[in-house]
Amino acid sequence: MRTQKEIMDLYERYYEMIWRICLMQFGNSHDAYDATQETFIRLMDYSKSFRSEEHKKAWLIRVAINYCKDVMKSSHRKREIALETNKPPEAGKVPDEYADVYETMMELPNEYRTILYLYFYEGYTLKEIAGMMKMNPSTLRSRFAKAKELMREYLEEEGMTGEAKRSVPIPIKKED
């Protein structure tokens, strides 16, 4: 069983990252908060030990993604009407300089948002992301390329070209 101190340390260290991942999945802050809380509740119930700090982080990400997918598949969720649009959450959660990119990312289909976030904001390799998302690495690379292409198209539609496009926090260039 984990100590309260260990759980609080992990909560303080990873809460915002897990919340942003859940936000990428759901597109609204209320469901993201619920999913984040559920992720940490599951951590409290998880009795196995972790091999390393990176293993803890990857476990939390995997649990958050799985929980979000389960909620999205539920019949109750399918009957709900979205009351919240894909706008940046309350002030302080998405810095102003990232708001345009955030809005653009939220226009992408769900399968692309999380990949972009984990790669560009959390610094994971495509191979690591494939493992976390339990996805074939080739499939993930294809989705990653498609996600970058969609971001490029959306940013061009919004009039972001040249220097403005290069200044966004998501590099729109060939990598991996």
N, C-alpha and C. Protein backbone atom coordinates (compact mmCIF):
# COMPACT_ATOMS: atom_id res chain seq x y z
N MET A 1 0.85 -1.18 0.00
CA MET A 1 0.00 0.00 0.00
C MET A 1 0.89 1.25 0.00
N ARG A 2 0.49 2.24 -0.72
CA ARG A 2 1.27 3.47 -0.82
C ARG A 2 1.00 4.37 0.38
N THR A 3 2.02 5.09 0.76
CA THR A 3 1.84 6.05 1.85
C THR A 3 1.12 7.29 1.32
N GLN A 4 0.51 7.99 2.23
CA GLN A 4 -0.18 9.23 1.86
C GLN A 4 0.82 10.23 1.27
N LYS A 5 2.01 10.27 1.83
CA LYS A 5 3.04 11.19 1.33
C LYS A 5 3.42 10.86 -0.12
N GLU A 6 3.61 9.56 -0.42
CA GLU A 6 3.96 9.16 -1.78
C GLU A 6 2.86 9.54 -2.76
N ILE A 7 1.63 9.30 -2.38
CA ILE A 7 0.50 9.64 -3.26
C ILE A 7 0.43 11.15 -3.47
N MET A 8 0.60 11.92 -2.41
CA MET A 8 0.56 13.38 -2.53
C MET A 8 1.71 13.90 -3.38
N ASP A 9 2.90 13.31 -3.24
CA ASP A 9 4.04 13.72 -4.07
C ASP A 9 3.75 13.48 -5.55
N LEU A 10 3.21 12.30 -5.86
CA LEU A 10 2.87 11.99 -7.25
C LEU A 10 1.75 12.89 -7.76
N TYR A 11 0.78 13.15 -6.90
CA TYR A 11 -0.32 14.02 -7.27
C TYR A 11 0.20 15.42 -7.62
N GLU A 12 1.03 15.97 -6.77
CA GLU A 12 1.56 17.32 -7.02
C GLU A 12 2.45 17.35 -8.26
N ARG A 13 3.20 16.30 -8.48
CA ARG A 13 4.13 16.27 -9.60
C ARG A 13 3.42 16.07 -10.94
N TYR A 14 2.37 15.23 -10.96
CA TYR A 14 1.78 14.83 -12.24
C TYR A 14 0.34 15.26 -12.47
N TYR A 15 -0.28 15.93 -11.52
CA TYR A 15 -1.69 16.29 -11.67
C TYR A 15 -1.95 17.08 -12.95
N GLU A 16 -1.20 18.15 -13.17
CA GLU A 16 -1.47 18.99 -14.34
C GLU A 16 -1.26 18.25 -15.64
N MET A 17 -0.23 17.42 -15.72
CA MET A 17 0.02 16.66 -16.94
C MET A 17 -1.15 15.70 -17.21
N ILE A 18 -1.59 14.98 -16.19
CA ILE A 18 -2.70 14.04 -16.36
C ILE A 18 -3.97 14.80 -16.74
N TRP A 19 -4.20 15.95 -16.11
CA TRP A 19 -5.39 16.75 -16.44
C TRP A 19 -5.34 17.18 -17.91
N ARG A 20 -4.19 17.60 -18.39
CA ARG A 20 -4.08 18.03 -19.80
C ARG A 20 -4.30 16.86 -20.75
N ILE A 21 -3.82 15.69 -20.39
CA ILE A 21 -4.05 14.51 -21.23
C ILE A 21 -5.54 14.19 -21.28
N CYS A 22 -6.20 14.23 -20.14
CA CYS A 22 -7.64 13.99 -20.09
C CYS A 22 -8.40 15.07 -20.85
N LEU A 23 -7.93 16.29 -20.76
CA LEU A 23 -8.56 17.38 -21.50
C LEU A 23 -8.45 17.13 -23.00
N MET A 24 -7.31 16.63 -23.44
CA MET A 24 -7.14 16.30 -24.87
C MET A 24 -8.13 15.21 -25.28
N GLN A 25 -8.41 14.29 -24.38
CA GLN A 25 -9.33 13.19 -24.69
C GLN A 25 -10.78 13.67 -24.75
N PHE A 26 -11.19 14.46 -23.75
CA PHE A 26 -12.61 14.83 -23.64
C PHE A 26 -12.96 16.16 -24.31
N GLY A 27 -12.03 17.09 -24.28
CA GLY A 27 -12.33 18.39 -24.85
C GLY A 27 -13.05 19.32 -23.90
N ASN A 28 -13.27 18.91 -22.67
CA ASN A 28 -13.88 19.83 -21.71
C ASN A 28 -13.27 19.60 -20.33
N SER A 29 -13.19 20.69 -19.59
CA SER A 29 -12.45 20.65 -18.33
C SER A 29 -13.15 19.84 -17.24
N HIS A 30 -14.48 19.79 -17.25
CA HIS A 30 -15.19 19.08 -16.18
C HIS A 30 -14.92 17.58 -16.24
N ASP A 31 -15.04 16.99 -17.43
CA ASP A 31 -14.74 15.57 -17.56
C ASP A 31 -13.26 15.30 -17.31
N ALA A 32 -12.40 16.23 -17.72
CA ALA A 32 -10.97 16.07 -17.49
C ALA A 32 -10.66 16.04 -16.00
N TYR A 33 -11.30 16.90 -15.21
CA TYR A 33 -11.11 16.88 -13.76
C TYR A 33 -11.55 15.54 -13.17
N ASP A 34 -12.72 15.07 -13.59
CA ASP A 34 -13.22 13.79 -13.08
C ASP A 34 -12.27 12.65 -13.41
N ALA A 35 -11.80 12.61 -14.65
CA ALA A 35 -10.90 11.54 -15.08
C ALA A 35 -9.56 11.62 -14.34
N THR A 36 -9.09 12.81 -14.11
CA THR A 36 -7.83 12.99 -13.38
C THR A 36 -7.98 12.46 -11.96
N GLN A 37 -9.07 12.81 -11.32
CA GLN A 37 -9.31 12.32 -9.97
C GLN A 37 -9.40 10.80 -9.95
N GLU A 38 -10.10 10.24 -10.91
CA GLU A 38 -10.23 8.78 -10.99
C GLU A 38 -8.87 8.12 -11.19
N THR A 39 -8.01 8.74 -11.97
CA THR A 39 -6.66 8.20 -12.19
C THR A 39 -5.91 8.09 -10.87
N PHE A 40 -5.99 9.14 -10.05
CA PHE A 40 -5.26 9.12 -8.78
C PHE A 40 -5.94 8.22 -7.74
N ILE A 41 -7.23 8.05 -7.85
CA ILE A 41 -7.91 7.08 -6.98
C ILE A 41 -7.42 5.68 -7.31
N ARG A 42 -7.27 5.41 -8.61
CA ARG A 42 -6.77 4.09 -9.01
C ARG A 42 -5.32 3.89 -8.55
N LEU A 43 -4.55 4.96 -8.50
CA LEU A 43 -3.19 4.87 -7.98
C LEU A 43 -3.22 4.44 -6.51
N MET A 44 -4.16 4.98 -5.75
CA MET A 44 -4.26 4.61 -4.34
C MET A 44 -4.57 3.13 -4.17
N ASP A 45 -5.34 2.57 -5.09
CA ASP A 45 -5.72 1.17 -5.01
C ASP A 45 -4.68 0.22 -5.61
N TYR A 46 -3.73 0.76 -6.36
CA TYR A 46 -2.72 -0.06 -7.04
C TYR A 46 -1.63 -0.45 -6.05
N SER A 47 -1.46 -1.74 -5.83
CA SER A 47 -0.54 -2.19 -4.78
C SER A 47 0.84 -2.61 -5.29
N LYS A 48 1.00 -2.79 -6.58
CA LYS A 48 2.30 -3.23 -7.10
C LYS A 48 3.30 -2.08 -7.05
N SER A 49 4.57 -2.44 -7.01
CA SER A 49 5.61 -1.40 -6.97
C SER A 49 6.00 -1.01 -8.40
N PHE A 50 6.57 0.16 -8.51
CA PHE A 50 7.02 0.67 -9.80
C PHE A 50 8.53 0.49 -9.91
N ARG A 51 9.01 0.25 -11.11
CA ARG A 51 10.44 0.04 -11.34
C ARG A 51 11.23 1.34 -11.24
N SER A 52 10.60 2.44 -11.63
CA SER A 52 11.31 3.72 -11.68
C SER A 52 10.29 4.86 -11.68
N GLU A 53 10.81 6.07 -11.59
CA GLU A 53 9.94 7.25 -11.66
C GLU A 53 9.26 7.33 -13.03
N GLU A 54 10.00 6.99 -14.06
CA GLU A 54 9.43 7.01 -15.41
C GLU A 54 8.31 5.97 -15.54
N HIS A 55 8.45 4.83 -14.88
CA HIS A 55 7.41 3.81 -14.89
C HIS A 55 6.14 4.34 -14.21
N LYS A 56 6.30 5.06 -13.10
CA LYS A 56 5.13 5.66 -12.41
C LYS A 56 4.41 6.62 -13.34
N LYS A 57 5.17 7.48 -14.00
CA LYS A 57 4.59 8.48 -14.90
C LYS A 57 3.86 7.80 -16.06
N ALA A 58 4.50 6.80 -16.66
CA ALA A 58 3.89 6.08 -17.78
C ALA A 58 2.62 5.35 -17.32
N TRP A 59 2.65 4.78 -16.11
CA TRP A 59 1.48 4.09 -15.58
C TRP A 59 0.31 5.05 -15.42
N LEU A 60 0.58 6.22 -14.86
CA LEU A 60 -0.48 7.22 -14.69
C LEU A 60 -1.07 7.64 -16.04
N ILE A 61 -0.21 7.85 -17.02
CA ILE A 61 -0.68 8.24 -18.35
C ILE A 61 -1.55 7.13 -18.94
N ARG A 62 -1.09 5.90 -18.85
CA ARG A 62 -1.84 4.76 -19.40
C ARG A 62 -3.20 4.62 -18.72
N VAL A 63 -3.24 4.73 -17.40
CA VAL A 63 -4.50 4.62 -16.66
C VAL A 63 -5.44 5.75 -17.07
N ALA A 64 -4.93 6.97 -17.20
CA ALA A 64 -5.77 8.11 -17.59
C ALA A 64 -6.35 7.90 -18.98
N ILE A 65 -5.53 7.49 -19.92
CA ILE A 65 -6.01 7.27 -21.29
C ILE A 65 -7.05 6.15 -21.32
N ASN A 66 -6.77 5.04 -20.62
CA ASN A 66 -7.74 3.93 -20.59
C ASN A 66 -9.06 4.37 -19.98
N TYR A 67 -8.99 5.11 -18.88
CA TYR A 67 -10.23 5.57 -18.24
C TYR A 67 -11.02 6.45 -19.20
N CYS A 68 -10.35 7.38 -19.84
CA CYS A 68 -11.03 8.28 -20.79
C CYS A 68 -11.69 7.49 -21.92
N LYS A 69 -10.98 6.51 -22.44
CA LYS A 69 -11.55 5.67 -23.52
C LYS A 69 -12.77 4.92 -23.02
N ASP A 70 -12.69 4.37 -21.82
CA ASP A 70 -13.84 3.64 -21.26
C ASP A 70 -15.05 4.55 -21.11
N VAL A 71 -14.83 5.75 -20.62
CA VAL A 71 -15.95 6.69 -20.45
C VAL A 71 -16.53 7.07 -21.81
N MET A 72 -15.66 7.31 -22.78
CA MET A 72 -16.13 7.71 -24.11
C MET A 72 -16.94 6.59 -24.77
N LYS A 73 -16.64 5.34 -24.45
CA LYS A 73 -17.35 4.20 -25.04
C LYS A 73 -18.66 3.90 -24.32
N SER A 74 -18.83 4.42 -23.12
CA SER A 74 -20.00 4.04 -22.33
C SER A 74 -21.30 4.51 -22.98
N SER A 75 -22.34 3.71 -22.82
CA SER A 75 -23.62 4.06 -23.43
C SER A 75 -24.21 5.33 -22.81
N HIS A 76 -23.94 5.54 -21.53
CA HIS A 76 -24.42 6.75 -20.87
C HIS A 76 -23.80 7.98 -21.52
N ARG A 77 -22.52 7.93 -21.79
CA ARG A 77 -21.80 9.06 -22.39
C ARG A 77 -22.33 9.36 -23.79
N LYS A 78 -22.65 8.32 -24.53
CA LYS A 78 -23.13 8.51 -25.90
C LYS A 78 -24.48 9.23 -25.93
N ARG A 79 -25.25 9.13 -24.85
CA ARG A 79 -26.56 9.79 -24.81
C ARG A 79 -26.47 11.23 -24.33
N GLU A 80 -25.35 11.59 -23.74
CA GLU A 80 -25.21 12.95 -23.23
C GLU A 80 -25.10 13.96 -24.36
N ILE A 81 -25.55 15.16 -24.08
CA ILE A 81 -25.40 16.26 -25.02
C ILE A 81 -24.29 17.14 -24.48
N ALA A 82 -23.33 17.43 -25.32
CA ALA A 82 -22.20 18.27 -24.88
C ALA A 82 -22.69 19.67 -24.59
N LEU A 83 -22.48 20.11 -23.35
CA LEU A 83 -22.87 21.45 -22.95
C LEU A 83 -21.72 22.43 -23.05
N GLU A 84 -20.54 21.89 -23.20
CA GLU A 84 -19.36 22.73 -23.23
C GLU A 84 -18.70 22.60 -24.61
N THR A 85 -18.27 23.69 -25.17
CA THR A 85 -17.58 23.65 -26.46
C THR A 85 -16.10 23.45 -26.23
N ASN A 86 -15.39 23.26 -27.30
CA ASN A 86 -13.94 23.03 -27.20
C ASN A 86 -13.19 24.34 -27.10
N LYS A 87 -13.49 25.12 -26.13
CA LYS A 87 -12.79 26.38 -25.87
C LYS A 87 -11.77 26.14 -24.77
N PRO A 88 -10.74 26.97 -24.70
CA PRO A 88 -9.79 26.79 -23.61
C PRO A 88 -10.50 26.88 -22.27
N PRO A 89 -10.08 26.09 -21.28
CA PRO A 89 -10.71 26.13 -19.97
C PRO A 89 -10.45 27.45 -19.28
N GLU A 90 -10.94 27.55 -18.08
CA GLU A 90 -10.84 28.80 -17.33
C GLU A 90 -9.43 29.36 -17.33
N ALA A 91 -9.35 30.65 -17.10
CA ALA A 91 -8.07 31.35 -17.13
C ALA A 91 -7.06 30.66 -16.22
N GLY A 92 -5.84 30.64 -16.67
CA GLY A 92 -4.78 30.06 -15.86
C GLY A 92 -4.44 28.64 -16.24
N LYS A 93 -5.30 27.95 -16.93
CA LYS A 93 -5.02 26.56 -17.29
C LYS A 93 -4.26 26.46 -18.61
N VAL A 94 -4.64 27.25 -19.59
CA VAL A 94 -3.93 27.27 -20.87
C VAL A 94 -3.36 28.66 -21.03
N PRO A 95 -2.03 28.79 -21.01
CA PRO A 95 -1.44 30.12 -21.16
C PRO A 95 -1.91 30.79 -22.45
N ASP A 96 -2.06 32.11 -22.42
CA ASP A 96 -2.55 32.86 -23.57
C ASP A 96 -1.78 32.57 -24.84
N GLU A 97 -0.45 32.43 -24.71
CA GLU A 97 0.34 32.21 -25.92
C GLU A 97 0.07 30.85 -26.56
N TYR A 98 -0.56 29.93 -25.83
CA TYR A 98 -0.89 28.62 -26.37
C TYR A 98 -2.37 28.48 -26.73
N ALA A 99 -3.17 29.48 -26.45
CA ALA A 99 -4.62 29.36 -26.63
C ALA A 99 -5.00 29.04 -28.07
N ASP A 100 -4.38 29.71 -29.05
CA ASP A 100 -4.72 29.44 -30.45
C ASP A 100 -4.35 28.02 -30.85
N VAL A 101 -3.17 27.57 -30.40
CA VAL A 101 -2.74 26.22 -30.73
C VAL A 101 -3.63 25.21 -30.02
N TYR A 102 -4.00 25.51 -28.77
CA TYR A 102 -4.89 24.62 -28.03
C TYR A 102 -6.22 24.48 -28.77
N GLU A 103 -6.80 25.60 -29.19
CA GLU A 103 -8.07 25.55 -29.91
C GLU A 103 -7.93 24.74 -31.19
N THR A 104 -6.81 24.92 -31.88
CA THR A 104 -6.58 24.16 -33.11
C THR A 104 -6.45 22.68 -32.81
N MET A 105 -5.70 22.33 -31.76
CA MET A 105 -5.56 20.91 -31.39
C MET A 105 -6.91 20.30 -31.03
N MET A 106 -7.77 21.08 -30.38
CA MET A 106 -9.07 20.56 -29.98
C MET A 106 -9.98 20.31 -31.17
N GLU A 107 -9.67 20.89 -32.32
CA GLU A 107 -10.44 20.63 -33.53
C GLU A 107 -10.04 19.31 -34.17
N LEU A 108 -8.87 18.79 -33.81
CA LEU A 108 -8.42 17.52 -34.36
C LEU A 108 -9.24 16.38 -33.77
N PRO A 109 -9.39 15.29 -34.53
CA PRO A 109 -10.03 14.11 -33.95
C PRO A 109 -9.25 13.63 -32.73
N ASN A 110 -9.94 13.03 -31.80
CA ASN A 110 -9.38 12.60 -30.52
C ASN A 110 -8.12 11.76 -30.68
N GLU A 111 -8.10 10.88 -31.67
CA GLU A 111 -6.96 9.97 -31.82
C GLU A 111 -5.65 10.69 -32.11
N TYR A 112 -5.71 11.95 -32.56
CA TYR A 112 -4.50 12.71 -32.87
C TYR A 112 -4.07 13.63 -31.73
N ARG A 113 -5.02 14.13 -30.96
CA ARG A 113 -4.70 15.11 -29.92
C ARG A 113 -3.71 14.58 -28.89
N THR A 114 -3.98 13.41 -28.37
CA THR A 114 -3.13 12.87 -27.31
C THR A 114 -1.72 12.57 -27.80
N ILE A 115 -1.61 12.06 -29.01
CA ILE A 115 -0.29 11.77 -29.58
C ILE A 115 0.53 13.06 -29.66
N LEU A 116 -0.05 14.13 -30.19
CA LEU A 116 0.66 15.40 -30.30
C LEU A 116 1.06 15.92 -28.92
N TYR A 117 0.15 15.84 -27.98
CA TYR A 117 0.44 16.35 -26.64
C TYR A 117 1.61 15.58 -26.02
N LEU A 118 1.54 14.26 -26.02
CA LEU A 118 2.59 13.47 -25.39
C LEU A 118 3.94 13.67 -26.07
N TYR A 119 3.94 13.83 -27.37
CA TYR A 119 5.19 14.00 -28.11
C TYR A 119 5.79 15.39 -27.89
N PHE A 120 5.00 16.42 -28.14
CA PHE A 120 5.55 17.77 -28.12
C PHE A 120 5.61 18.40 -26.74
N TYR A 121 4.65 18.12 -25.89
CA TYR A 121 4.61 18.77 -24.58
C TYR A 121 5.26 17.95 -23.48
N GLU A 122 5.15 16.62 -23.56
CA GLU A 122 5.72 15.78 -22.52
C GLU A 122 7.05 15.16 -22.93
N GLY A 123 7.40 15.26 -24.22
CA GLY A 123 8.71 14.83 -24.68
C GLY A 123 8.90 13.33 -24.87
N TYR A 124 7.82 12.58 -24.95
CA TYR A 124 7.95 11.15 -25.19
C TYR A 124 8.28 10.87 -26.64
N THR A 125 9.00 9.78 -26.89
CA THR A 125 9.27 9.35 -28.25
C THR A 125 8.03 8.65 -28.80
N LEU A 126 7.99 8.51 -30.10
CA LEU A 126 6.85 7.81 -30.70
C LEU A 126 6.79 6.36 -30.24
N LYS A 127 7.93 5.75 -30.05
CA LYS A 127 7.97 4.37 -29.57
C LYS A 127 7.38 4.27 -28.16
N GLU A 128 7.73 5.21 -27.29
CA GLU A 128 7.19 5.21 -25.92
C GLU A 128 5.68 5.45 -25.94
N ILE A 129 5.23 6.36 -26.79
CA ILE A 129 3.80 6.65 -26.88
C ILE A 129 3.05 5.42 -27.38
N ALA A 130 3.61 4.74 -28.36
CA ALA A 130 2.98 3.52 -28.88
C ALA A 130 2.79 2.50 -27.76
N GLY A 131 3.80 2.37 -26.91
CA GLY A 131 3.68 1.44 -25.78
C GLY A 131 2.61 1.87 -24.80
N MET A 132 2.56 3.16 -24.49
CA MET A 132 1.56 3.66 -23.53
C MET A 132 0.14 3.51 -24.06
N MET A 133 -0.01 3.72 -25.37
CA MET A 133 -1.34 3.68 -25.96
C MET A 133 -1.68 2.29 -26.49
N LYS A 134 -0.77 1.34 -26.26
CA LYS A 134 -0.97 -0.04 -26.73
C LYS A 134 -1.33 -0.06 -28.21
N MET A 135 -0.46 0.57 -28.98
CA MET A 135 -0.71 0.74 -30.40
C MET A 135 0.52 0.27 -31.17
N ASN A 136 0.31 -0.28 -32.33
CA ASN A 136 1.41 -0.67 -33.20
C ASN A 136 2.22 0.58 -33.53
N PRO A 137 3.55 0.54 -33.40
CA PRO A 137 4.38 1.72 -33.68
C PRO A 137 4.19 2.29 -35.08
N SER A 138 3.97 1.43 -36.07
CA SER A 138 3.74 1.91 -37.44
C SER A 138 2.43 2.69 -37.53
N THR A 139 1.41 2.19 -36.87
CA THR A 139 0.11 2.89 -36.86
C THR A 139 0.26 4.24 -36.18
N LEU A 140 1.00 4.25 -35.07
CA LEU A 140 1.18 5.50 -34.35
C LEU A 140 1.95 6.51 -35.20
N ARG A 141 3.00 6.06 -35.89
CA ARG A 141 3.76 6.98 -36.75
C ARG A 141 2.86 7.55 -37.85
N SER A 142 2.00 6.73 -38.41
CA SER A 142 1.06 7.21 -39.44
C SER A 142 0.11 8.26 -38.86
N ARG A 143 -0.42 7.99 -37.68
CA ARG A 143 -1.34 8.95 -37.04
C ARG A 143 -0.61 10.24 -36.67
N PHE A 144 0.63 10.11 -36.24
CA PHE A 144 1.43 11.28 -35.90
C PHE A 144 1.64 12.16 -37.13
N ALA A 145 2.00 11.53 -38.25
CA ALA A 145 2.20 12.28 -39.49
C ALA A 145 0.89 12.96 -39.92
N LYS A 146 -0.21 12.24 -39.81
CA LYS A 146 -1.52 12.80 -40.18
C LYS A 146 -1.89 13.95 -39.24
N ALA A 147 -1.60 13.79 -37.96
CA ALA A 147 -1.92 14.84 -36.99
C ALA A 147 -1.13 16.11 -37.31
N LYS A 148 0.14 15.97 -37.62
CA LYS A 148 0.95 17.16 -37.95
C LYS A 148 0.44 17.81 -39.23
N GLU A 149 0.05 17.00 -40.19
CA GLU A 149 -0.49 17.55 -41.45
C GLU A 149 -1.80 18.30 -41.19
N LEU A 150 -2.67 17.72 -40.38
CA LEU A 150 -3.93 18.40 -40.05
C LEU A 150 -3.67 19.71 -39.31
N MET A 151 -2.73 19.69 -38.36
CA MET A 151 -2.38 20.92 -37.64
C MET A 151 -1.88 21.97 -38.62
N ARG A 152 -1.04 21.57 -39.54
CA ARG A 152 -0.50 22.50 -40.54
C ARG A 152 -1.66 23.11 -41.35
N GLU A 153 -2.59 22.26 -41.79
CA GLU A 153 -3.73 22.74 -42.58
C GLU A 153 -4.59 23.70 -41.76
N TYR A 154 -4.91 23.32 -40.52
CA TYR A 154 -5.74 24.17 -39.67
C TYR A 154 -5.07 25.51 -39.41
N LEU A 155 -3.77 25.48 -39.14
CA LEU A 155 -3.06 26.73 -38.87
C LEU A 155 -3.02 27.61 -40.12
N GLU A 156 -2.88 27.01 -41.28
CA GLU A 156 -2.90 27.79 -42.51
C GLU A 156 -4.28 28.38 -42.75
N GLU A 157 -5.34 27.61 -42.45
CA GLU A 157 -6.71 28.12 -42.60
C GLU A 157 -6.94 29.32 -41.68
N GLU A 158 -6.32 29.29 -40.50
CA GLU A 158 -6.48 30.38 -39.55
C GLU A 158 -5.59 31.56 -39.89
N GLY A 159 -4.85 31.44 -40.98
CA GLY A 159 -4.02 32.55 -41.40
C GLY A 159 -2.65 32.58 -40.78
N MET A 160 -2.27 31.52 -40.08
CA MET A 160 -0.94 31.48 -39.49
C MET A 160 0.02 30.95 -40.54
N THR A 161 0.89 31.81 -40.98
CA THR A 161 1.88 31.39 -41.97
C THR A 161 3.24 31.91 -41.54
N GLY A 162 4.26 31.41 -42.19
CA GLY A 162 5.60 31.93 -41.99
C GLY A 162 6.04 31.96 -40.55
N GLU A 163 6.50 33.14 -40.11
CA GLU A 163 7.07 33.32 -38.78
C GLU A 163 6.06 33.00 -37.67
N ALA A 164 4.78 33.40 -37.85
CA ALA A 164 3.76 33.15 -36.83
C ALA A 164 3.58 31.65 -36.61
N LYS A 165 3.57 30.87 -37.70
CA LYS A 165 3.38 29.43 -37.58
C LYS A 165 4.60 28.79 -36.91
N ARG A 166 5.79 29.30 -37.18
CA ARG A 166 6.99 28.72 -36.58
C ARG A 166 7.07 29.02 -35.09
N SER A 167 6.35 30.04 -34.62
CA SER A 167 6.45 30.41 -33.21
C SER A 167 5.49 29.63 -32.32
N VAL A 168 4.62 28.80 -32.90
CA VAL A 168 3.70 28.04 -32.07
C VAL A 168 4.45 26.94 -31.35
N PRO A 169 3.98 26.48 -30.18
CA PRO A 169 4.71 25.51 -29.39
C PRO A 169 4.70 24.10 -29.97
N ILE A 170 3.97 23.84 -31.04
CA ILE A 170 3.99 22.55 -31.67
C ILE A 170 4.77 22.68 -32.95
N PRO A 171 5.98 22.13 -33.02
CA PRO A 171 6.78 22.24 -34.23
C PRO A 171 6.08 21.56 -35.40
N ILE A 172 5.93 22.28 -36.49
CA ILE A 172 5.30 21.73 -37.68
C ILE A 172 6.44 21.45 -38.66
N LYS A 173 7.15 20.38 -38.42
CA LYS A 173 8.28 20.00 -39.28
C LYS A 173 8.42 18.50 -39.26
N LYS A 174 9.17 17.99 -40.16
CA LYS A 174 9.37 16.53 -40.24
C LYS A 174 10.30 16.09 -39.13
N GLU A 175 9.87 15.12 -38.33
CA GLU A 175 10.68 14.54 -37.26
C GLU A 175 10.37 13.07 -37.17
N ASP A 176 11.26 12.33 -36.53
CA ASP A 176 11.09 10.88 -36.33
C ASP A 176 10.97 10.19 -37.67
